[in-house]
Amino acid sequence: MPWYVWLILIVVFGSVIGSLLLLRDSAKKLPLSEEQLERIRQRNAELDAKEKQEKEK
């Protein structure tokens, strides 16, 4: 392959890897209170129960 194809491949791989690293570094956990976490757990339990009922039908 010509040299410019290798250069393009290096730039493409470098940009993909750089973007993934930037995304990983900028990811932050959401600061949720215990009350919010409990509501989320309750909602998930309700949805799981509904799905289980629908599968049994």
PDB file of N, CA and C in Angstrom:
ATOM      1  N   MET A   1       0.849  -1.183   0.000  1.00  0.00           N
ATOM      2  CA  MET A   1       0.000   0.000   0.000  1.00  0.00           C
ATOM      3  C   MET A   1       0.890   1.239   0.000  1.00  0.00           C
ATOM      4  N   PRO A   2       0.410   2.267  -0.640  1.00  0.00           N
ATOM      5  CA  PRO A   2       1.174   3.518  -0.650  1.00  0.00           C
ATOM      6  C   PRO A   2       1.228   4.150   0.738  1.00  0.00           C
ATOM      7  N   TRP A   3       2.165   5.052   0.911  1.00  0.00           N
ATOM      8  CA  TRP A   3       2.393   5.645   2.223  1.00  0.00           C
ATOM      9  C   TRP A   3       1.202   6.472   2.705  1.00  0.00           C
ATOM     10  N   TYR A   4       0.477   7.111   1.784  1.00  0.00           N
ATOM     11  CA  TYR A   4      -0.626   7.965   2.204  1.00  0.00           C
ATOM     12  C   TYR A   4      -1.811   7.144   2.726  1.00  0.00           C
ATOM     13  N   VAL A   5      -1.952   5.916   2.275  1.00  0.00           N
ATOM     14  CA  VAL A   5      -3.007   5.056   2.810  1.00  0.00           C
ATOM     15  C   VAL A   5      -2.706   4.714   4.270  1.00  0.00           C
ATOM     16  N   TRP A   6      -1.435   4.415   4.551  1.00  0.00           N
ATOM     17  CA  TRP A   6      -1.034   4.144   5.940  1.00  0.00           C
ATOM     18  C   TRP A   6      -1.260   5.367   6.815  1.00  0.00           C
ATOM     19  N   LEU A   7      -0.964   6.540   6.267  1.00  0.00           N
ATOM     20  CA  LEU A   7      -1.171   7.779   7.015  1.00  0.00           C
ATOM     21  C   LEU A   7      -2.654   7.984   7.338  1.00  0.00           C
ATOM     22  N   ILE A   8      -3.514   7.745   6.354  1.00  0.00           N
ATOM     23  CA  ILE A   8      -4.955   7.883   6.576  1.00  0.00           C
ATOM     24  C   ILE A   8      -5.432   6.889   7.626  1.00  0.00           C
ATOM     25  N   LEU A   9      -4.956   5.642   7.557  1.00  0.00           N
ATOM     26  CA  LEU A   9      -5.336   4.631   8.549  1.00  0.00           C
ATOM     27  C   LEU A   9      -4.901   5.029   9.952  1.00  0.00           C
ATOM     28  N   ILE A  10      -3.695   5.542  10.076  1.00  0.00           N
ATOM     29  CA  ILE A  10      -3.202   5.976  11.386  1.00  0.00           C
ATOM     30  C   ILE A  10      -4.046   7.124  11.929  1.00  0.00           C
ATOM     31  N   VAL A  11      -4.397   8.074  11.074  1.00  0.00           N
ATOM     32  CA  VAL A  11      -5.221   9.204  11.508  1.00  0.00           C
ATOM     33  C   VAL A  11      -6.610   8.734  11.929  1.00  0.00           C
ATOM     34  N   VAL A  12      -7.197   7.825  11.169  1.00  0.00           N
ATOM     35  CA  VAL A  12      -8.534   7.325  11.495  1.00  0.00           C
ATOM     36  C   VAL A  12      -8.511   6.581  12.827  1.00  0.00           C
ATOM     37  N   PHE A  13      -7.574   5.642  12.985  1.00  0.00           N
ATOM     38  CA  PHE A  13      -7.497   4.902  14.240  1.00  0.00           C
ATOM     39  C   PHE A  13      -7.176   5.822  15.416  1.00  0.00           C
ATOM     40  N   GLY A  14      -6.322   6.777  15.200  1.00  0.00           N
ATOM     41  CA  GLY A  14      -5.983   7.729  16.257  1.00  0.00           C
ATOM     42  C   GLY A  14      -7.177   8.561  16.681  1.00  0.00           C
ATOM     43  N   SER A  15      -7.978   8.986  15.708  1.00  0.00           N
ATOM     44  CA  SER A  15      -9.146   9.789  16.062  1.00  0.00           C
ATOM     45  C   SER A  15     -10.199   8.956  16.785  1.00  0.00           C
ATOM     46  N   VAL A  16     -10.379   7.701  16.389  1.00  0.00           N
ATOM     47  CA  VAL A  16     -11.347   6.841  17.065  1.00  0.00           C
ATOM     48  C   VAL A  16     -10.902   6.573  18.498  1.00  0.00           C
ATOM     49  N   ILE A  17      -9.656   6.209  18.675  1.00  0.00           N
ATOM     50  CA  ILE A  17      -9.141   5.926  20.018  1.00  0.00           C
ATOM     51  C   ILE A  17      -9.173   7.182  20.880  1.00  0.00           C
ATOM     52  N   GLY A  18      -8.800   8.310  20.309  1.00  0.00           N
ATOM     53  CA  GLY A  18      -8.837   9.576  21.043  1.00  0.00           C
ATOM     54  C   GLY A  18     -10.250   9.951  21.465  1.00  0.00           C
ATOM     55  N   SER A  19     -11.215   9.736  20.581  1.00  0.00           N
ATOM     56  CA  SER A  19     -12.607  10.036  20.919  1.00  0.00           C
ATOM     57  C   SER A  19     -13.108   9.138  22.041  1.00  0.00           C
ATOM     58  N   LEU A  20     -12.759   7.856  21.990  1.00  0.00           N
ATOM     59  CA  LEU A  20     -13.174   6.941  23.054  1.00  0.00           C
ATOM     60  C   LEU A  20     -12.551   7.312  24.391  1.00  0.00           C
ATOM     61  N   LEU A  21     -11.300   7.699  24.385  1.00  0.00           N
ATOM     62  CA  LEU A  21     -10.654   8.106  25.630  1.00  0.00           C
ATOM     63  C   LEU A  21     -11.268   9.385  26.179  1.00  0.00           C
ATOM     64  N   LEU A  22     -11.589  10.315  25.310  1.00  0.00           N
ATOM     65  CA  LEU A  22     -12.234  11.560  25.727  1.00  0.00           C
ATOM     66  C   LEU A  22     -13.615  11.285  26.311  1.00  0.00           C
ATOM     67  N   LEU A  23     -14.352  10.389  25.680  1.00  0.00           N
ATOM     68  CA  LEU A  23     -15.663  10.023  26.182  1.00  0.00           C
ATOM     69  C   LEU A  23     -15.570   9.370  27.554  1.00  0.00           C
ATOM     70  N   ARG A  24     -14.587   8.492  27.729  1.00  0.00           N
ATOM     71  CA  ARG A  24     -14.400   7.829  29.024  1.00  0.00           C
ATOM     72  C   ARG A  24     -14.042   8.841  30.108  1.00  0.00           C
ATOM     73  N   ASP A  25     -13.189   9.791  29.779  1.00  0.00           N
ATOM     74  CA  ASP A  25     -12.763  10.779  30.771  1.00  0.00           C
ATOM     75  C   ASP A  25     -13.879  11.756  31.141  1.00  0.00           C
ATOM     76  N   SER A  26     -14.781  12.029  30.198  1.00  0.00           N
ATOM     77  CA  SER A  26     -15.830  13.011  30.467  1.00  0.00           C
ATOM     78  C   SER A  26     -17.064  12.382  31.103  1.00  0.00           C
ATOM     79  N   ALA A  27     -17.118  11.055  31.172  1.00  0.00           N
ATOM     80  CA  ALA A  27     -18.273  10.392  31.781  1.00  0.00           C
ATOM     81  C   ALA A  27     -18.244  10.608  33.293  1.00  0.00           C
ATOM     82  N   LYS A  28     -19.389  11.002  33.825  1.00  0.00           N
ATOM     83  CA  LYS A  28     -19.493  11.248  35.261  1.00  0.00           C
ATOM     84  C   LYS A  28     -20.689  10.472  35.794  1.00  0.00           C
ATOM     85  N   LYS A  29     -20.585  10.039  37.011  1.00  0.00           N
ATOM     86  CA  LYS A  29     -21.721   9.389  37.645  1.00  0.00           C
ATOM     87  C   LYS A  29     -22.722  10.461  38.057  1.00  0.00           C
ATOM     88  N   LEU A  30     -23.998  10.084  37.973  1.00  0.00           N
ATOM     89  CA  LEU A  30     -25.032  11.017  38.390  1.00  0.00           C
ATOM     90  C   LEU A  30     -25.156  11.001  39.911  1.00  0.00           C
ATOM     91  N   PRO A  31     -25.099  12.160  40.521  1.00  0.00           N
ATOM     92  CA  PRO A  31     -25.251  12.199  41.980  1.00  0.00           C
ATOM     93  C   PRO A  31     -26.734  12.090  42.356  1.00  0.00           C
ATOM     94  N   LEU A  32     -27.186  10.879  42.666  1.00  0.00           N
ATOM     95  CA  LEU A  32     -28.580  10.663  43.029  1.00  0.00           C
ATOM     96  C   LEU A  32     -28.698  10.482  44.535  1.00  0.00           C
ATOM     97  N   SER A  33     -29.779  11.011  45.061  1.00  0.00           N
ATOM     98  CA  SER A  33     -30.026  10.832  46.493  1.00  0.00           C
ATOM     99  C   SER A  33     -30.577   9.426  46.722  1.00  0.00           C
ATOM    100  N   GLU A  34     -30.612   9.018  47.975  1.00  0.00           N
ATOM    101  CA  GLU A  34     -31.144   7.694  48.313  1.00  0.00           C
ATOM    102  C   GLU A  34     -32.622   7.592  47.942  1.00  0.00           C
ATOM    103  N   GLU A  35     -33.345   8.699  48.095  1.00  0.00           N
ATOM    104  CA  GLU A  35     -34.769   8.704  47.742  1.00  0.00           C
ATOM    105  C   GLU A  35     -34.957   8.452  46.244  1.00  0.00           C
ATOM    106  N   GLN A  36     -34.154   9.109  45.427  1.00  0.00           N
ATOM    107  CA  GLN A  36     -34.244   8.907  43.984  1.00  0.00           C
ATOM    108  C   GLN A  36     -33.872   7.480  43.604  1.00  0.00           C
ATOM    109  N   LEU A  37     -32.839   6.945  44.218  1.00  0.00           N
ATOM    110  CA  LEU A  37     -32.447   5.566  43.937  1.00  0.00           C
ATOM    111  C   LEU A  37     -33.549   4.590  44.314  1.00  0.00           C
ATOM    112  N   GLU A  38     -34.209   4.830  45.432  1.00  0.00           N
ATOM    113  CA  GLU A  38     -35.297   3.954  45.869  1.00  0.00           C
ATOM    114  C   GLU A  38     -36.467   4.010  44.896  1.00  0.00           C
ATOM    115  N   ARG A  39     -36.791   5.221  44.402  1.00  0.00           N
ATOM    116  CA  ARG A  39     -37.870   5.334  43.416  1.00  0.00           C
ATOM    117  C   ARG A  39     -37.520   4.592  42.136  1.00  0.00           C
ATOM    118  N   ILE A  40     -36.262   4.660  41.715  1.00  0.00           N
ATOM    119  CA  ILE A  40     -35.825   3.950  40.510  1.00  0.00           C
ATOM    120  C   ILE A  40     -35.941   2.446  40.723  1.00  0.00           C
ATOM    121  N   ARG A  41     -35.505   1.969  41.872  1.00  0.00           N
ATOM    122  CA  ARG A  41     -35.609   0.530  42.173  1.00  0.00           C
ATOM    123  C   ARG A  41     -37.066   0.080  42.189  1.00  0.00           C
ATOM    124  N   GLN A  42     -37.930   0.905  42.765  1.00  0.00           N
ATOM    125  CA  GLN A  42     -39.350   0.565  42.841  1.00  0.00           C
ATOM    126  C   GLN A  42     -39.958   0.507  41.441  1.00  0.00           C
ATOM    127  N   ARG A  43     -39.636   1.473  40.604  1.00  0.00           N
ATOM    128  CA  ARG A  43     -40.137   1.489  39.231  1.00  0.00           C
ATOM    129  C   ARG A  43     -39.666   0.259  38.459  1.00  0.00           C
ATOM    130  N   ASN A  44     -38.393  -0.092  38.622  1.00  0.00           N
ATOM    131  CA  ASN A  44     -37.859  -1.270  37.946  1.00  0.00           C
ATOM    132  C   ASN A  44     -38.566  -2.536  38.409  1.00  0.00           C
ATOM    133  N   ALA A  45     -38.841  -2.634  39.697  1.00  0.00           N
ATOM    134  CA  ALA A  45     -39.544  -3.804  40.220  1.00  0.00           C
ATOM    135  C   ALA A  45     -40.954  -3.880  39.647  1.00  0.00           C
ATOM    136  N   GLU A  46     -41.641  -2.751  39.553  1.00  0.00           N
ATOM    137  CA  GLU A  46     -42.987  -2.734  38.977  1.00  0.00           C
ATOM    138  C   GLU A  46     -42.965  -3.155  37.513  1.00  0.00           C
ATOM    139  N   LEU A  47     -42.008  -2.645  36.754  1.00  0.00           N
ATOM    140  CA  LEU A  47     -41.907  -3.004  35.338  1.00  0.00           C
ATOM    141  C   LEU A  47     -41.582  -4.483  35.170  1.00  0.00           C
ATOM    142  N   ASP A  48     -40.710  -5.015  36.023  1.00  0.00           N
ATOM    143  CA  ASP A  48     -40.383  -6.431  35.963  1.00  0.00           C
ATOM    144  C   ASP A  48     -41.611  -7.284  36.250  1.00  0.00           C
ATOM    145  N   ALA A  49     -42.422  -6.874  37.222  1.00  0.00           N
ATOM    146  CA  ALA A  49     -43.637  -7.609  37.551  1.00  0.00           C
ATOM    147  C   ALA A  49     -44.625  -7.580  36.388  1.00  0.00           C
ATOM    148  N   LYS A  50     -44.776  -6.414  35.752  1.00  0.00           N
ATOM    149  CA  LYS A  50     -45.676  -6.309  34.593  1.00  0.00           C
ATOM    150  C   LYS A  50     -45.199  -7.204  33.456  1.00  0.00           C
ATOM    151  N   GLU A  51     -43.898  -7.190  33.191  1.00  0.00           N
ATOM    152  CA  GLU A  51     -43.354  -8.019  32.115  1.00  0.00           C
ATOM    153  C   GLU A  51     -43.568  -9.500  32.417  1.00  0.00           C
ATOM    154  N   LYS A  52     -43.403  -9.881  33.670  1.00  0.00           N
ATOM    155  CA  LYS A  52     -43.602 -11.277  34.058  1.00  0.00           C
ATOM    156  C   LYS A  52     -45.052 -11.696  33.852  1.00  0.00           C
ATOM    157  N   GLN A  53     -45.994 -10.793  34.211  1.00  0.00           N
ATOM    158  CA  GLN A  53     -47.406 -11.092  34.003  1.00  0.00           C
ATOM    159  C   GLN A  53     -47.735 -11.230  32.528  1.00  0.00           C
ATOM    160  N   GLU A  54     -47.165 -10.357  31.693  1.00  0.00           N
ATOM    161  CA  GLU A  54     -47.439 -10.403  30.259  1.00  0.00           C
ATOM    162  C   GLU A  54     -46.854 -11.670  29.635  1.00  0.00           C
ATOM    163  N   LYS A  55     -45.726 -12.147  30.124  1.00  0.00           N
ATOM    164  CA  LYS A  55     -45.140 -13.373  29.588  1.00  0.00           C
ATOM    165  C   LYS A  55     -45.957 -14.594  29.965  1.00  0.00           C
ATOM    166  N   GLU A  56     -46.596 -14.558  31.130  1.00  0.00           N
ATOM    167  CA  GLU A  56     -47.383 -15.698  31.598  1.00  0.00           C
ATOM    168  C   GLU A  56     -48.692 -15.830  30.827  1.00  0.00           C
ATOM    169  N   LYS A  57     -49.147 -14.762  30.216  1.00  0.00           N
ATOM    170  CA  LYS A  57     -50.423 -14.798  29.470  1.00  0.00           C
ATOM    171  C   LYS A  57     -50.283 -15.536  28.168  1.00  0.00           C
TER     172      LYS A  57
END
